Amino acid sequence: GPESFPGLTCALVSGRLLTWYGPSLV
């Protein structure tokens, strides 16, 4: 993934934290 965006800042994140609505929201 990051290799496709040279010169840009990439942030790897948990999809669960970004897209789930449930206890992970805490």
PDB file of all heavy atoms in Angstrom:
ATOM      1  N   GLY A   1       0.794  -1.221   0.000  1.00  0.00           N
ATOM      2  CA  GLY A   1       0.000   0.000   0.000  1.00  0.00           C
ATOM      3  C   GLY A   1       0.823   1.265   0.000  1.00  0.00           C
ATOM      4  O   GLY A   1       0.750   2.068  -0.954  1.00  0.00           O
ATOM      5  N   PRO A   2       1.645   1.494   1.034  1.00  0.00           N
ATOM      6  CA  PRO A   2       2.409   2.754   1.096  1.00  0.00           C
ATOM      7  C   PRO A   2       3.343   2.972  -0.082  1.00  0.00           C
ATOM      8  O   PRO A   2       3.581   4.127  -0.474  1.00  0.00           O
ATOM      9  CB  PRO A   2       3.190   2.619   2.404  1.00  0.00           C
ATOM     10  CG  PRO A   2       2.359   1.705   3.243  1.00  0.00           C
ATOM     11  CD  PRO A   2       1.765   0.725   2.281  1.00  0.00           C
ATOM     12  N   GLU A   3       3.862   1.880  -0.677  1.00  0.00           N
ATOM     13  CA  GLU A   3       4.792   2.034  -1.805  1.00  0.00           C
ATOM     14  C   GLU A   3       4.133   2.694  -3.010  1.00  0.00           C
ATOM     15  O   GLU A   3       4.820   3.222  -3.895  1.00  0.00           O
ATOM     16  CB  GLU A   3       5.367   0.656  -2.195  1.00  0.00           C
ATOM     17  CG  GLU A   3       4.450  -0.226  -3.021  1.00  0.00           C
ATOM     18  CD  GLU A   3       3.287  -0.814  -2.237  1.00  0.00           C
ATOM     19  OE1 GLU A   3       3.316  -0.790  -0.988  1.00  0.00           O
ATOM     20  OE2 GLU A   3       2.327  -1.308  -2.872  1.00  0.00           O
ATOM     21  N   SER A   4       2.804   2.693  -3.054  1.00  0.00           N
ATOM     22  CA  SER A   4       2.079   3.304  -4.175  1.00  0.00           C
ATOM     23  C   SER A   4       1.947   4.811  -4.034  1.00  0.00           C
ATOM     24  O   SER A   4       1.492   5.480  -4.962  1.00  0.00           O
ATOM     25  CB  SER A   4       0.684   2.675  -4.297  1.00  0.00           C
ATOM     26  OG  SER A   4       0.767   1.295  -4.568  1.00  0.00           O
ATOM     27  N   PHE A   5       2.350   5.348  -2.880  1.00  0.00           N
ATOM     28  CA  PHE A   5       2.180   6.774  -2.620  1.00  0.00           C
ATOM     29  C   PHE A   5       3.506   7.413  -2.202  1.00  0.00           C
ATOM     30  O   PHE A   5       3.623   7.970  -1.101  1.00  0.00           O
ATOM     31  CB  PHE A   5       1.113   6.978  -1.539  1.00  0.00           C
ATOM     32  CG  PHE A   5      -0.226   6.405  -1.892  1.00  0.00           C
ATOM     33  CD1 PHE A   5      -0.575   5.120  -1.488  1.00  0.00           C
ATOM     34  CD2 PHE A   5      -1.128   7.123  -2.662  1.00  0.00           C
ATOM     35  CE1 PHE A   5      -1.802   4.572  -1.822  1.00  0.00           C
ATOM     36  CE2 PHE A   5      -2.361   6.597  -3.010  1.00  0.00           C
ATOM     37  CZ  PHE A   5      -2.695   5.309  -2.589  1.00  0.00           C
ATOM     38  N   PRO A   6       4.512   7.345  -3.068  1.00  0.00           N
ATOM     39  CA  PRO A   6       5.817   7.916  -2.714  1.00  0.00           C
ATOM     40  C   PRO A   6       5.714   9.418  -2.467  1.00  0.00           C
ATOM     41  O   PRO A   6       5.017  10.135  -3.183  1.00  0.00           O
ATOM     42  CB  PRO A   6       6.680   7.604  -3.937  1.00  0.00           C
ATOM     43  CG  PRO A   6       5.700   7.415  -5.065  1.00  0.00           C
ATOM     44  CD  PRO A   6       4.495   6.809  -4.447  1.00  0.00           C
ATOM     45  N   GLY A   7       6.398   9.859  -1.436  1.00  0.00           N
ATOM     46  CA  GLY A   7       6.386  11.278  -1.109  1.00  0.00           C
ATOM     47  C   GLY A   7       5.198  11.729  -0.294  1.00  0.00           C
ATOM     48  O   GLY A   7       5.135  12.893   0.107  1.00  0.00           O
ATOM     49  N   LEU A   8       4.252  10.823  -0.039  1.00  0.00           N
ATOM     50  CA  LEU A   8       3.086  11.162   0.764  1.00  0.00           C
ATOM     51  C   LEU A   8       3.152  10.439   2.112  1.00  0.00           C
ATOM     52  O   LEU A   8       3.711   9.353   2.214  1.00  0.00           O
ATOM     53  CB  LEU A   8       1.790  10.774   0.030  1.00  0.00           C
ATOM     54  CG  LEU A   8       1.512  11.493  -1.284  1.00  0.00           C
ATOM     55  CD1 LEU A   8       0.236  10.959  -1.909  1.00  0.00           C
ATOM     56  CD2 LEU A   8       1.397  13.006  -1.055  1.00  0.00           C
ATOM     57  N   THR A   9       2.571  11.053   3.115  1.00  0.00           N
ATOM     58  CA  THR A   9       2.541  10.450   4.446  1.00  0.00           C
ATOM     59  C   THR A   9       1.417   9.434   4.521  1.00  0.00           C
ATOM     60  O   THR A   9       0.245   9.778   4.282  1.00  0.00           O
ATOM     61  CB  THR A   9       2.342  11.519   5.533  1.00  0.00           C
ATOM     62  OG1 THR A   9       3.411  12.461   5.460  1.00  0.00           O
ATOM     63  CG2 THR A   9       2.304  10.890   6.920  1.00  0.00           C
ATOM     64  N   CYS A  10       1.750   8.194   4.827  1.00  0.00           N
ATOM     65  CA  CYS A  10       0.758   7.123   4.928  1.00  0.00           C
ATOM     66  C   CYS A  10       0.567   6.733   6.388  1.00  0.00           C
ATOM     67  O   CYS A  10       1.522   6.656   7.158  1.00  0.00           O
ATOM     68  CB  CYS A  10       1.191   5.901   4.124  1.00  0.00           C
ATOM     69  SG  CYS A  10       1.215   6.178   2.338  1.00  0.00           S
ATOM     70  N   ALA A  11      -0.671   6.493   6.762  1.00  0.00           N
ATOM     71  CA  ALA A  11      -1.001   6.060   8.118  1.00  0.00           C
ATOM     72  C   ALA A  11      -1.744   4.742   8.031  1.00  0.00           C
ATOM     73  O   ALA A  11      -2.832   4.669   7.450  1.00  0.00           O
ATOM     74  CB  ALA A  11      -1.854   7.105   8.825  1.00  0.00           C
ATOM     75  N   LEU A  12      -1.160   3.684   8.572  1.00  0.00           N
ATOM     76  CA  LEU A  12      -1.803   2.383   8.643  1.00  0.00           C
ATOM     77  C   LEU A  12      -2.678   2.344   9.894  1.00  0.00           C
ATOM     78  O   LEU A  12      -2.201   2.606  11.003  1.00  0.00           O
ATOM     79  CB  LEU A  12      -0.764   1.269   8.684  1.00  0.00           C
ATOM     80  CG  LEU A  12       0.102   1.136   7.431  1.00  0.00           C
ATOM     81  CD1 LEU A  12       1.325   0.267   7.697  1.00  0.00           C
ATOM     82  CD2 LEU A  12      -0.716   0.552   6.282  1.00  0.00           C
ATOM     83  N   VAL A  13      -3.950   2.036   9.710  1.00  0.00           N
ATOM     84  CA  VAL A  13      -4.882   2.065  10.842  1.00  0.00           C
ATOM     85  C   VAL A  13      -5.709   0.787  10.877  1.00  0.00           C
ATOM     86  O   VAL A  13      -5.860   0.090   9.867  1.00  0.00           O
ATOM     87  CB  VAL A  13      -5.828   3.289  10.778  1.00  0.00           C
ATOM     88  CG1 VAL A  13      -5.045   4.595  10.751  1.00  0.00           C
ATOM     89  CG2 VAL A  13      -6.753   3.196   9.572  1.00  0.00           C
ATOM     90  N   SER A  14      -6.243   0.493  12.028  1.00  0.00           N
ATOM     91  CA  SER A  14      -7.161  -0.632  12.188  1.00  0.00           C
ATOM     92  C   SER A  14      -8.503  -0.309  11.548  1.00  0.00           C
ATOM     93  O   SER A  14      -9.135   0.701  11.877  1.00  0.00           O
ATOM     94  CB  SER A  14      -7.359  -0.925  13.681  1.00  0.00           C
ATOM     95  OG  SER A  14      -8.508  -1.720  13.893  1.00  0.00           O
ATOM     96  N   GLY A  15      -8.940  -1.165  10.631  1.00  0.00           N
ATOM     97  CA  GLY A  15     -10.247  -0.962  10.015  1.00  0.00           C
ATOM     98  C   GLY A  15     -11.362  -1.035  11.029  1.00  0.00           C
ATOM     99  O   GLY A  15     -12.383  -0.343  10.901  1.00  0.00           O
ATOM    100  N   ARG A  16     -11.191  -1.865  12.043  1.00  0.00           N
ATOM    101  CA  ARG A  16     -12.214  -1.978  13.090  1.00  0.00           C
ATOM    102  C   ARG A  16     -12.393  -0.649  13.813  1.00  0.00           C
ATOM    103  O   ARG A  16     -13.517  -0.233  14.100  1.00  0.00           O
ATOM    104  CB  ARG A  16     -11.825  -3.083  14.059  1.00  0.00           C
ATOM    105  CG  ARG A  16     -12.766  -3.261  15.247  1.00  0.00           C
ATOM    106  CD  ARG A  16     -12.450  -4.551  15.998  1.00  0.00           C
ATOM    107  NE  ARG A  16     -13.080  -4.594  17.290  1.00  0.00           N
ATOM    108  CZ  ARG A  16     -12.502  -4.225  18.431  1.00  0.00           C
ATOM    109  NH1 ARG A  16     -11.246  -3.782  18.402  1.00  0.00           N
ATOM    110  NH2 ARG A  16     -13.150  -4.286  19.574  1.00  0.00           N
ATOM    111  N   LEU A  17     -11.308   0.040  14.105  1.00  0.00           N
ATOM    112  CA  LEU A  17     -11.412   1.329  14.792  1.00  0.00           C
ATOM    113  C   LEU A  17     -12.028   2.394  13.890  1.00  0.00           C
ATOM    114  O   LEU A  17     -12.685   3.318  14.373  1.00  0.00           O
ATOM    115  CB  LEU A  17     -10.026   1.794  15.248  1.00  0.00           C
ATOM    116  CG  LEU A  17      -9.311   0.921  16.279  1.00  0.00           C
ATOM    117  CD1 LEU A  17      -7.914   1.460  16.532  1.00  0.00           C
ATOM    118  CD2 LEU A  17     -10.106   0.846  17.578  1.00  0.00           C
ATOM    119  N   LEU A  18     -11.830   2.249  12.593  1.00  0.00           N
ATOM    120  CA  LEU A  18     -12.260   3.276  11.640  1.00  0.00           C
ATOM    121  C   LEU A  18     -13.678   3.054  11.129  1.00  0.00           C
ATOM    122  O   LEU A  18     -14.354   4.010  10.745  1.00  0.00           O
ATOM    123  CB  LEU A  18     -11.284   3.298  10.462  1.00  0.00           C
ATOM    124  CG  LEU A  18     -11.315   4.490   9.512  1.00  0.00           C
ATOM    125  CD1 LEU A  18     -11.005   5.783  10.247  1.00  0.00           C
ATOM    126  CD2 LEU A  18     -10.323   4.270   8.371  1.00  0.00           C
ATOM    127  N   THR A  19     -14.147   1.810  11.123  1.00  0.00           N
ATOM    128  CA  THR A  19     -15.419   1.521  10.449  1.00  0.00           C
ATOM    129  C   THR A  19     -16.457   0.817  11.309  1.00  0.00           C
ATOM    130  O   THR A  19     -17.619   0.740  10.920  1.00  0.00           O
ATOM    131  CB  THR A  19     -15.180   0.654   9.197  1.00  0.00           C
ATOM    132  OG1 THR A  19     -14.686  -0.640   9.600  1.00  0.00           O
ATOM    133  CG2 THR A  19     -14.176   1.300   8.254  1.00  0.00           C
ATOM    134  N   TRP A  20     -16.058   0.298  12.475  1.00  0.00           N
ATOM    135  CA  TRP A  20     -17.026  -0.433  13.298  1.00  0.00           C
ATOM    136  C   TRP A  20     -17.711   0.510  14.279  1.00  0.00           C
ATOM    137  O   TRP A  20     -17.079   1.389  14.865  1.00  0.00           O
ATOM    138  CB  TRP A  20     -16.334  -1.543  14.085  1.00  0.00           C
ATOM    139  CG  TRP A  20     -15.909  -2.717  13.261  1.00  0.00           C
ATOM    140  CD1 TRP A  20     -15.424  -2.704  11.990  1.00  0.00           C
ATOM    141  CD2 TRP A  20     -15.913  -4.091  13.669  1.00  0.00           C
ATOM    142  NE1 TRP A  20     -15.130  -3.983  11.581  1.00  0.00           N
ATOM    143  CE2 TRP A  20     -15.413  -4.856  12.589  1.00  0.00           C
ATOM    144  CE3 TRP A  20     -16.272  -4.751  14.844  1.00  0.00           C
ATOM    145  CZ2 TRP A  20     -15.283  -6.242  12.642  1.00  0.00           C
ATOM    146  CZ3 TRP A  20     -16.142  -6.135  14.907  1.00  0.00           C
ATOM    147  CH2 TRP A  20     -15.660  -6.871  13.822  1.00  0.00           C
ATOM    148  N   TYR A  21     -19.002   0.298  14.495  1.00  0.00           N
ATOM    149  CA  TYR A  21     -19.747   1.040  15.511  1.00  0.00           C
ATOM    150  C   TYR A  21     -20.182   0.031  16.569  1.00  0.00           C
ATOM    151  O   TYR A  21     -21.038  -0.816  16.374  1.00  0.00           O
ATOM    152  CB  TYR A  21     -20.952   1.758  14.897  1.00  0.00           C
ATOM    153  CG  TYR A  21     -21.540   1.082  13.682  1.00  0.00           C
ATOM    154  CD1 TYR A  21     -22.466   0.054  13.808  1.00  0.00           C
ATOM    155  CD2 TYR A  21     -21.143   1.452  12.403  1.00  0.00           C
ATOM    156  CE1 TYR A  21     -22.987  -0.585  12.695  1.00  0.00           C
ATOM    157  CE2 TYR A  21     -21.663   0.822  11.283  1.00  0.00           C
ATOM    158  CZ  TYR A  21     -22.588  -0.202  11.444  1.00  0.00           C
ATOM    159  OH  TYR A  21     -23.098  -0.838  10.342  1.00  0.00           O
ATOM    160  N   GLY A  22     -19.487   0.105  17.710  1.00  0.00           N
ATOM    161  CA  GLY A  22     -19.714  -0.825  18.804  1.00  0.00           C
ATOM    162  C   GLY A  22     -18.758  -0.511  19.926  1.00  0.00           C
ATOM    163  O   GLY A  22     -18.302   0.636  20.075  1.00  0.00           O
ATOM    164  N   PRO A  23     -18.409  -1.487  20.759  1.00  0.00           N
ATOM    165  CA  PRO A  23     -17.500  -1.246  21.880  1.00  0.00           C
ATOM    166  C   PRO A  23     -16.155  -0.658  21.471  1.00  0.00           C
ATOM    167  O   PRO A  23     -15.514   0.024  22.278  1.00  0.00           O
ATOM    168  CB  PRO A  23     -17.321  -2.644  22.492  1.00  0.00           C
ATOM    169  CG  PRO A  23     -18.561  -3.380  22.109  1.00  0.00           C
ATOM    170  CD  PRO A  23     -18.919  -2.879  20.757  1.00  0.00           C
ATOM    171  N   SER A  24     -15.733  -0.904  20.229  1.00  0.00           N
ATOM    172  CA  SER A  24     -14.453  -0.344  19.774  1.00  0.00           C
ATOM    173  C   SER A  24     -14.464   1.177  19.764  1.00  0.00           C
ATOM    174  O   SER A  24     -13.400   1.815  19.785  1.00  0.00           O
ATOM    175  CB  SER A  24     -14.120  -0.861  18.371  1.00  0.00           C
ATOM    176  OG  SER A  24     -15.139  -0.521  17.445  1.00  0.00           O
ATOM    177  N   LEU A  25     -15.648   1.791  19.758  1.00  0.00           N
ATOM    178  CA  LEU A  25     -15.740   3.248  19.755  1.00  0.00           C
ATOM    179  C   LEU A  25     -15.190   3.874  21.033  1.00  0.00           C
ATOM    180  O   LEU A  25     -14.823   5.050  21.045  1.00  0.00           O
ATOM    181  CB  LEU A  25     -17.199   3.686  19.570  1.00  0.00           C
ATOM    182  CG  LEU A  25     -17.799   3.513  18.176  1.00  0.00           C
ATOM    183  CD1 LEU A  25     -19.289   3.810  18.203  1.00  0.00           C
ATOM    184  CD2 LEU A  25     -17.087   4.414  17.170  1.00  0.00           C
ATOM    185  N   VAL A  26     -15.124   3.085  22.103  1.00  0.00           N
ATOM    186  CA  VAL A  26     -14.624   3.634  23.374  1.00  0.00           C
ATOM    187  C   VAL A  26     -13.153   4.018  23.253  1.00  0.00           C
ATOM    188  O   VAL A  26     -12.735   5.102  23.674  1.00  0.00           O
ATOM    189  CB  VAL A  26     -14.826   2.617  24.515  1.00  0.00           C
ATOM    190  CG1 VAL A  26     -14.236   3.166  25.817  1.00  0.00           C
ATOM    191  CG2 VAL A  26     -16.312   2.296  24.691  1.00  0.00           C
TER     192      VAL A  26
END
